[in-house]
Each structure stands twice: as C-alpha cells, then as structure tokens.
C-alpha cells in the first residue's frame, strides 16, 4: 500500500486532488461527485459484491420481522456476512481513492483485480470491523444489566434511562468520532489497535466536522432509503396484520406467491441499500483526507515557528 504522506506531497493541486483541505459541505459534494462521475464503473465493479450483500441483508430483514427468528443462528450469520460485505466495500472504495490520488486511473480494473489490489485493505478493514463490533457489545452491557433488572423489578423507568444513555454514548461518544477513526485506522500501516485509538482521538478533535457530515449525509441517505423501503414496509405490515388476524381466528387468504414477491422486493431494496453505503462512506473518505492535509500543514507551521 502506498505511503499516504508521499501521496499528499505529490498531489496535483491543479485539479483538487483527494488529499486536499475541504470543509464539511465540500467533503459531501466531493464524495457524491466521485461516485456520480464514476457511476458506471463503480456499478459494474461493485455489483457482484452488492449482489452477495443484498442476499444476506434481505435474509436478515426477512427474519427480523419476528422476535423468534431475529435472534436465530441463520439471522445472526446473515448479519455478520452483511457487515463483512460492508467492510470489503469500504476497503475497495478506499483503494480507488488511493489510486485516483496517484492519478493512475481505473483502466483495466474489474471486480477480481480490484479485490486483489485491495486485499491488504480488506483484511485490515475486517479486523477493524470485528474490533468495533466488540466495542459496541461492551457498550451494550449496561442495557443488558438493566434489562434483567427490569424483569425482576418491573422498573421500566430505569430501563428507559439506560437505553437513552446508551444511545447518547453510541451516537455522540462512539458513532460520530468513528466516522474518522475507521478510515484513519484503515489507511494507516501500524498496529491496528493503536491506529484505531489515534483515529478516535482525531474524531474527538474534529468532532464538529464529523457531526455535521454525519447529520447531512445521514439525512440524505435516510430520505432515499425511506423511498425505496416503502414497498417493503407495506408488504411486511400486511403480512404481520394477516398473522395477527389468523391468531384471532379470522380467515385470511394470503396468496402462495406472497413470500416470494416480498423477498424479491426485499432483495431489490437491499441491493440499493448496499450501493447507498458507498454514498454514506464516500464523504468521510474526503474528511479523512482533509484532516491528513490539515495535520501536515499544522506540522509544517510548527517547524517554521521553531526555526523563527
């Protein structure tokens, strides 16, 4: 993997390279522009990955409609595969950004060659994902403790307070800085634990930018996902209401092909969701690059001050 510092030093400033200082709005517009400018190429190269991810994501969503099946081994495996596919997507996307920053272009790349070129990033991305998954599980411990306490004492107020506190911790303390910590650890070449910690420190330092970009990007992605998942919600709602009616003794005639239609709609929506993951990640790639440039400029300023 190329040295990031070398890439910054050799950046062609005439055409706003990847490693340039950008504000929140420019990070968002640059991320969207990169994906739209290379839309056909990215769709062609990433489609096999999206297809695999959509299969398992739709299986997970299908099983999540019932409490009994949502915690099954099948649903858990589907969730993990979906997360792994996301980690692979992120690694491949960052490889393209690194390639673009070197002005090498994407000529000759296909799915297999890009995966091969990204293999080190993919492995690192998967390890980072597992570490962060364990981190989130640890953060959930207070919720689990309060859950068992509620069962014994019926103290739902404590449970609600714990849930709210966990959401605050997840979003503001872990989630927001993580949008910078993940790419920082991914693009570094040292110890993953140390790089991830350094990434979180930078996430806290640039917390305002991270939060602003999360808010803007999240709102856009949310609106698009709502539009694409409306048919899914209608079908799931119909099936759930039918199951309730049947349990109450009512006669409901559901076509035998209903589940097939629902899964097809789920799969299409999941495929779109996989593609939108790139639109969510892309602006934060530019935020990472902007932070690297900002830090390099700060180091240069300090050296000048020392000389003076």
Protein backbone atom coordinates (compact mmCIF):
# COMPACT_ATOMS: atom_id res chain seq x y z
CA UNK A 1 0.00 0.00 0.00
CA UNK A 2 1.40 3.42 -0.98
CA UNK A 3 2.66 5.80 1.70
CA UNK A 4 -0.07 8.35 2.44
CA UNK A 5 2.48 11.08 3.20
CA UNK A 6 4.09 10.56 -0.24
CA UNK A 7 0.68 10.80 -1.89
CA UNK A 8 -0.01 14.11 -0.11
CA UNK A 9 3.38 15.52 -1.13
CA UNK A 10 2.89 14.51 -4.76
CA UNK A 11 -0.75 15.66 -5.05
CA UNK A 12 -1.60 17.62 -8.19
CA UNK A 13 -3.15 20.80 -6.81
CA UNK A 14 -4.46 21.85 -10.23
CA UNK A 15 -7.47 19.56 -10.09
CA UNK A 16 -8.47 19.44 -6.41
CA UNK A 17 -6.88 16.05 -5.57
CA UNK A 18 -8.15 13.61 -2.99
CA UNK A 19 -5.69 14.90 -0.41
CA UNK A 20 -6.90 18.50 -0.18
CA UNK A 21 -8.30 20.54 2.67
CA UNK A 22 -12.11 20.71 2.45
CA UNK A 23 -14.94 21.95 4.64
CA UNK A 24 -17.96 19.80 5.54
CA UNK A 25 -20.01 20.87 2.52
CA UNK A 26 -17.13 20.28 0.10
CA UNK A 27 -16.44 16.84 1.61
CA UNK A 28 -20.06 15.92 0.92
CA UNK A 29 -20.09 17.32 -2.61
CA UNK A 30 -16.69 15.76 -3.44
CA UNK A 31 -17.84 12.34 -2.22
CA UNK A 32 -21.04 12.47 -4.24
CA UNK A 33 -19.22 13.82 -7.31
CA UNK A 34 -16.67 10.99 -7.25
CA UNK A 35 -19.40 8.34 -7.21
CA UNK A 36 -21.57 10.03 -9.83
CA UNK A 37 -18.61 10.75 -12.15
CA UNK A 38 -17.57 7.09 -11.96
CA UNK A 39 -21.08 5.68 -11.60
CA UNK A 40 -20.96 3.12 -14.45
CA UNK A 41 -17.51 1.84 -13.48
CA UNK A 42 -18.39 1.52 -9.79
CA UNK A 43 -21.73 -0.15 -10.52
CA UNK A 44 -20.04 -2.67 -12.85
CA UNK A 45 -17.16 -3.49 -10.48
CA UNK A 46 -19.11 -3.45 -7.20
CA UNK A 47 -22.31 -5.15 -8.43
CA UNK A 48 -21.13 -8.72 -7.62
CA UNK A 49 -20.31 -7.55 -4.09
CA UNK A 50 -23.67 -5.76 -3.82
CA UNK A 51 -25.45 -8.90 -5.07
CA UNK A 52 -23.91 -11.06 -2.33
CA UNK A 53 -24.52 -8.46 0.35
CA UNK A 54 -28.14 -7.96 -0.75
CA UNK A 55 -28.86 -11.70 -0.43
CA UNK A 56 -27.81 -11.86 3.21
CA UNK A 57 -29.17 -8.42 4.10
CA UNK A 58 -32.59 -9.31 2.72
CA UNK A 59 -32.48 -12.65 4.61
CA UNK A 60 -31.68 -10.76 7.80
CA UNK A 61 -34.52 -8.27 7.23
CA UNK A 62 -36.93 -11.09 6.41
CA UNK A 63 -36.07 -12.89 9.66
CA UNK A 64 -36.15 -9.68 11.69
CA UNK A 65 -39.92 -9.36 11.34
CA UNK A 66 -40.38 -11.93 14.13
CA UNK A 67 -38.69 -11.88 17.54
CA UNK A 68 -38.22 -15.66 17.41
CA UNK A 69 -36.40 -15.67 14.05
CA UNK A 70 -34.49 -12.37 14.53
CA UNK A 71 -32.20 -13.99 17.11
CA UNK A 72 -31.77 -17.27 15.23
CA UNK A 73 -28.35 -18.53 14.10
CA UNK A 74 -29.39 -18.08 10.47
CA UNK A 75 -30.25 -14.41 11.04
CA UNK A 76 -27.04 -13.83 13.04
CA UNK A 77 -24.88 -15.35 10.29
CA UNK A 78 -26.68 -13.22 7.70
CA UNK A 79 -25.99 -10.09 9.77
CA UNK A 80 -22.28 -10.92 10.08
CA UNK A 81 -21.94 -11.61 6.36
CA UNK A 82 -23.67 -8.29 5.64
CA UNK A 83 -21.19 -6.49 7.91
CA UNK A 84 -18.26 -8.28 6.28
CA UNK A 85 -19.50 -7.25 2.83
CA UNK A 86 -19.69 -3.65 4.06
CA UNK A 87 -16.07 -3.88 5.28
CA UNK A 88 -14.98 -5.19 1.87
CA UNK A 89 -16.87 -2.40 0.08
CA UNK A 90 -15.14 0.24 2.22
CA UNK A 91 -11.69 -1.25 1.57
CA UNK A 92 -12.27 -1.42 -2.21
CA UNK A 93 -13.60 2.15 -2.27
CA UNK A 94 -10.57 3.49 -0.40
CA UNK A 95 -8.31 1.63 -2.81
CA UNK A 96 -9.97 3.54 -5.65
CA UNK A 97 -9.42 6.83 -3.81
CA UNK A 98 -5.76 5.97 -3.31
CA UNK A 99 -5.48 5.04 -6.99
CA UNK A 100 -7.18 8.29 -8.00
CA UNK A 101 -4.92 10.36 -5.73
CA UNK A 102 -1.90 8.96 -7.61
CA UNK A 103 -3.52 9.96 -10.95
CA UNK A 104 -3.31 6.34 -12.15
CA UNK A 105 -6.96 5.98 -13.16
CA UNK A 106 -9.05 2.81 -13.05
CA UNK A 107 -8.35 1.42 -16.54
CA UNK A 108 -8.17 -2.38 -16.56
CA UNK A 109 -9.85 -2.82 -13.18
CA UNK A 110 -12.61 -5.38 -12.75
CA UNK A 111 -14.11 -6.92 -9.63
CA UNK A 112 -11.42 -9.58 -9.13
CA UNK A 113 -8.47 -7.32 -9.92
CA UNK A 114 -9.77 -4.62 -7.56
CA UNK A 115 -10.26 -7.19 -4.79
CA UNK A 116 -6.71 -8.45 -5.39
CA UNK A 117 -5.31 -4.90 -5.30
CA UNK A 118 -7.31 -4.20 -2.12
CA UNK A 119 -6.52 -7.44 -0.28
CA UNK A 120 -4.40 -5.79 2.43
CA UNK A 121 -7.01 -3.09 2.98
CA UNK A 122 -9.79 -5.71 3.02
CA UNK A 123 -8.05 -7.76 5.70
CA UNK A 124 -7.40 -4.66 7.78
CA UNK A 125 -10.99 -3.47 7.31
CA UNK A 126 -12.39 -6.82 8.51
CA UNK A 127 -10.20 -6.76 11.62
CA UNK A 128 -11.24 -3.17 12.41
CA UNK A 129 -14.90 -4.15 11.98
CA UNK A 130 -14.55 -7.05 14.43
CA UNK A 131 -12.80 -4.83 17.00
CA UNK A 132 -15.50 -2.17 16.74
CA UNK A 133 -18.25 -4.80 16.94
CA UNK A 134 -16.78 -5.99 20.25
CA UNK A 135 -16.57 -2.35 21.37
CA UNK A 136 -20.27 -1.86 20.67
CA UNK A 137 -21.11 -5.07 22.54
CA UNK A 138 -19.22 -3.80 25.58
CA UNK A 139 -21.13 -0.51 25.36
CA UNK A 140 -24.38 -2.54 25.42
CA UNK A 141 -23.57 -4.22 28.75
CA UNK A 142 -25.43 -1.57 30.85
CA UNK A 143 -28.55 -2.14 28.72
CA UNK A 144 -28.38 -5.92 29.27
CA UNK A 145 -27.90 -5.47 33.02
CA UNK A 146 -30.85 -3.09 33.24
CA UNK A 147 -32.93 -5.48 31.10
CA UNK A 148 -32.51 -8.33 33.59
CA UNK A 149 -33.13 -5.89 36.44
CA UNK A 150 -36.39 -4.78 34.81
CA UNK A 151 -37.55 -8.39 34.51
CA UNK A 152 -37.15 -8.85 38.28
CA UNK A 153 -38.36 -5.46 39.50
CA UNK A 154 -40.53 -4.11 36.63
CA UNK A 155 -38.59 -0.82 36.85
CA UNK A 156 -39.20 0.37 33.31
CA UNK A 157 -38.05 3.92 34.12
CA UNK A 158 -34.50 2.70 34.78
CA UNK A 159 -34.58 0.68 31.59
CA UNK A 160 -35.70 3.71 29.55
CA UNK A 161 -32.98 5.88 31.11
CA UNK A 162 -30.34 3.23 30.36
CA UNK A 163 -31.49 2.91 26.74
CA UNK A 164 -31.35 6.71 26.31
CA UNK A 165 -27.89 6.87 27.89
CA UNK A 166 -26.65 4.11 25.61
CA UNK A 167 -27.99 5.87 22.53
CA UNK A 168 -26.15 9.03 23.59
CA UNK A 169 -22.94 7.05 24.14
CA UNK A 170 -23.33 5.20 20.82
CA UNK A 171 -24.04 8.23 18.71
CA UNK A 172 -22.14 11.11 20.29
CA UNK A 173 -19.23 9.35 22.03
CA UNK A 174 -18.56 6.37 19.71
CA UNK A 175 -20.55 6.73 16.48
CA UNK A 176 -19.61 10.30 15.48
CA UNK A 177 -15.82 10.01 16.10
CA UNK A 178 -15.85 6.55 14.48
CA UNK A 179 -16.54 8.02 11.01
CA UNK A 180 -12.97 9.38 11.17
CA UNK A 181 -11.43 6.61 13.29
CA UNK A 182 -12.36 3.84 10.84
CA UNK A 183 -10.74 5.36 7.73
CA UNK A 184 -7.72 6.54 9.75
CA UNK A 185 -7.07 3.02 11.08
CA UNK A 186 -7.77 1.55 7.64
CA UNK A 187 -5.28 3.76 5.79
CA UNK A 188 -2.53 3.54 8.43
CA UNK A 189 0.04 0.76 8.44
CA UNK A 190 0.90 0.37 12.10
CA UNK A 191 -0.71 -1.53 14.97
CA UNK A 192 -4.47 -1.64 14.35
CA UNK A 193 -5.41 -1.04 18.00
CA UNK A 194 -3.08 1.96 18.24
CA UNK A 195 -4.20 3.34 14.88
CA UNK A 196 -7.86 2.95 15.83
CA UNK A 197 -7.26 4.77 19.11
CA UNK A 198 -5.40 7.56 17.30
CA UNK A 199 -8.30 7.70 14.85
CA UNK A 200 -10.79 8.15 17.68
CA UNK A 201 -8.61 10.93 19.15
CA UNK A 202 -8.78 12.72 15.81
CA UNK A 203 -12.51 12.05 15.71
CA UNK A 204 -12.89 13.87 19.04
CA UNK A 205 -10.60 16.68 17.88
CA UNK A 206 -12.66 17.21 14.72
CA UNK A 207 -15.95 16.20 16.36
CA UNK A 208 -17.85 19.20 14.98
CA UNK A 209 -16.95 18.36 11.39
CA UNK A 210 -17.73 14.68 11.92
CA UNK A 211 -21.12 15.50 13.44
CA UNK A 212 -22.03 17.96 10.68
CA UNK A 213 -21.12 15.48 7.96
CA UNK A 214 -22.97 12.62 9.72
CA UNK A 215 -26.06 14.82 10.00
CA UNK A 216 -26.04 15.94 6.35
CA UNK A 217 -25.15 12.58 4.84
CA UNK A 218 -27.45 10.66 7.20
CA UNK A 219 -30.46 12.81 6.34
CA UNK A 220 -29.94 12.39 2.58
CA UNK A 221 -29.42 8.61 2.83
CA UNK A 222 -32.40 8.29 5.19
CA UNK A 223 -34.77 10.03 2.76
CA UNK A 224 -33.61 7.82 -0.15
CA UNK A 225 -33.87 4.63 1.92
CA UNK A 226 -37.37 5.52 3.09
CA UNK A 227 -38.49 5.89 -0.53
CA UNK A 228 -37.00 2.55 -1.55
CA UNK A 229 -38.18 0.67 1.55
CA UNK A 230 -41.80 1.91 1.47
CA UNK A 231 -42.92 -1.16 -0.57
CA UNK A 232 -41.08 -3.40 1.91
CA UNK A 233 -42.84 -1.74 4.84
CA UNK A 234 -46.24 -2.15 3.17
CA UNK A 235 -45.65 -5.86 2.48
CA UNK A 236 -44.27 -6.57 5.96
CA UNK A 237 -47.14 -4.66 7.55
CA UNK A 238 -49.68 -6.63 5.51
CA UNK A 239 -48.10 -9.95 6.47
CA UNK A 240 -47.93 -9.00 10.15
CA UNK A 241 -51.54 -7.87 10.26
CA UNK A 242 -52.55 -11.10 8.49
CA UNK A 243 -50.72 -13.17 11.11
CA UNK A 244 -52.48 -11.25 13.90
CA UNK A 245 -55.85 -11.78 12.22
CA UNK A 246 -55.19 -15.52 11.85
CA UNK A 247 -54.17 -15.78 15.52
CA UNK A 248 -57.53 -14.18 16.42
CA UNK A 249 -59.40 -16.81 14.41
CA UNK A 250 -60.13 -14.76 11.30
CA UNK A 251 -59.89 -16.34 7.84
CA UNK A 252 -57.24 -14.63 5.72
CA UNK A 253 -56.36 -15.83 2.23
CA UNK A 254 -52.71 -14.96 1.51
CA UNK A 255 -51.51 -15.93 -1.98
CA UNK A 256 -48.88 -18.67 -2.03
CA UNK A 257 -46.53 -16.42 -4.01
CA UNK A 258 -46.71 -13.58 -1.46
CA UNK A 259 -43.49 -14.55 0.35
CA UNK A 260 -41.65 -14.81 -2.97
CA UNK A 261 -42.79 -11.34 -4.03
CA UNK A 262 -41.86 -9.94 -0.63
CA UNK A 263 -38.37 -11.44 -0.79
CA UNK A 264 -37.81 -10.10 -4.32
CA UNK A 265 -38.79 -6.61 -3.17
CA UNK A 266 -36.56 -7.02 -0.11
CA UNK A 267 -33.65 -8.08 -2.31
CA UNK A 268 -34.01 -5.11 -4.68
CA UNK A 269 -34.24 -2.68 -1.76
CA UNK A 270 -31.23 -4.35 -0.09
CA UNK A 271 -29.19 -4.05 -3.30
CA UNK A 272 -29.96 -0.33 -3.41
CA UNK A 273 -29.04 -0.07 0.28
CA UNK A 274 -25.65 -1.69 -0.42
CA UNK A 275 -24.97 0.88 -3.13
CA UNK A 276 -26.05 3.73 -0.84
CA UNK A 277 -23.49 2.54 1.71
CA UNK A 278 -20.84 3.89 -0.66
CA UNK A 279 -22.62 7.25 -0.74
CA UNK A 280 -22.50 7.29 3.05
CA UNK A 281 -18.81 6.32 3.28
CA UNK A 282 -17.51 8.49 0.43
CA UNK A 283 -17.81 11.93 2.11
CA UNK A 284 -15.98 10.63 5.18
CA UNK A 285 -13.12 9.45 2.96
CA UNK A 286 -12.68 13.07 1.89
CA UNK A 287 -12.98 14.19 5.51
CA UNK A 288 -10.15 11.82 6.42
CA UNK A 289 -8.02 13.21 3.56
CA UNK A 290 -8.82 16.76 4.65
CA UNK A 291 -7.74 16.01 8.23
CA UNK A 292 -4.46 14.47 6.99
CA UNK A 293 -3.70 17.62 4.98
CA UNK A 294 -4.67 19.86 7.91
CA UNK A 295 -2.34 17.94 10.23
CA UNK A 296 0.51 18.11 7.71
CA UNK A 297 0.05 21.85 7.32
CA UNK A 298 0.00 22.27 11.12
CA UNK A 299 3.25 20.30 11.41
CA UNK A 300 4.86 22.49 8.73
CA UNK A 301 3.72 25.64 10.57
CA UNK A 302 5.21 24.38 13.85
CA UNK A 303 8.54 23.68 12.15
CA UNK A 304 8.59 27.20 10.68
CA UNK A 305 7.80 28.68 14.12
CA UNK A 306 10.67 26.70 15.64
CA UNK A 307 13.09 27.98 13.01
CA UNK A 308 11.93 31.57 13.52
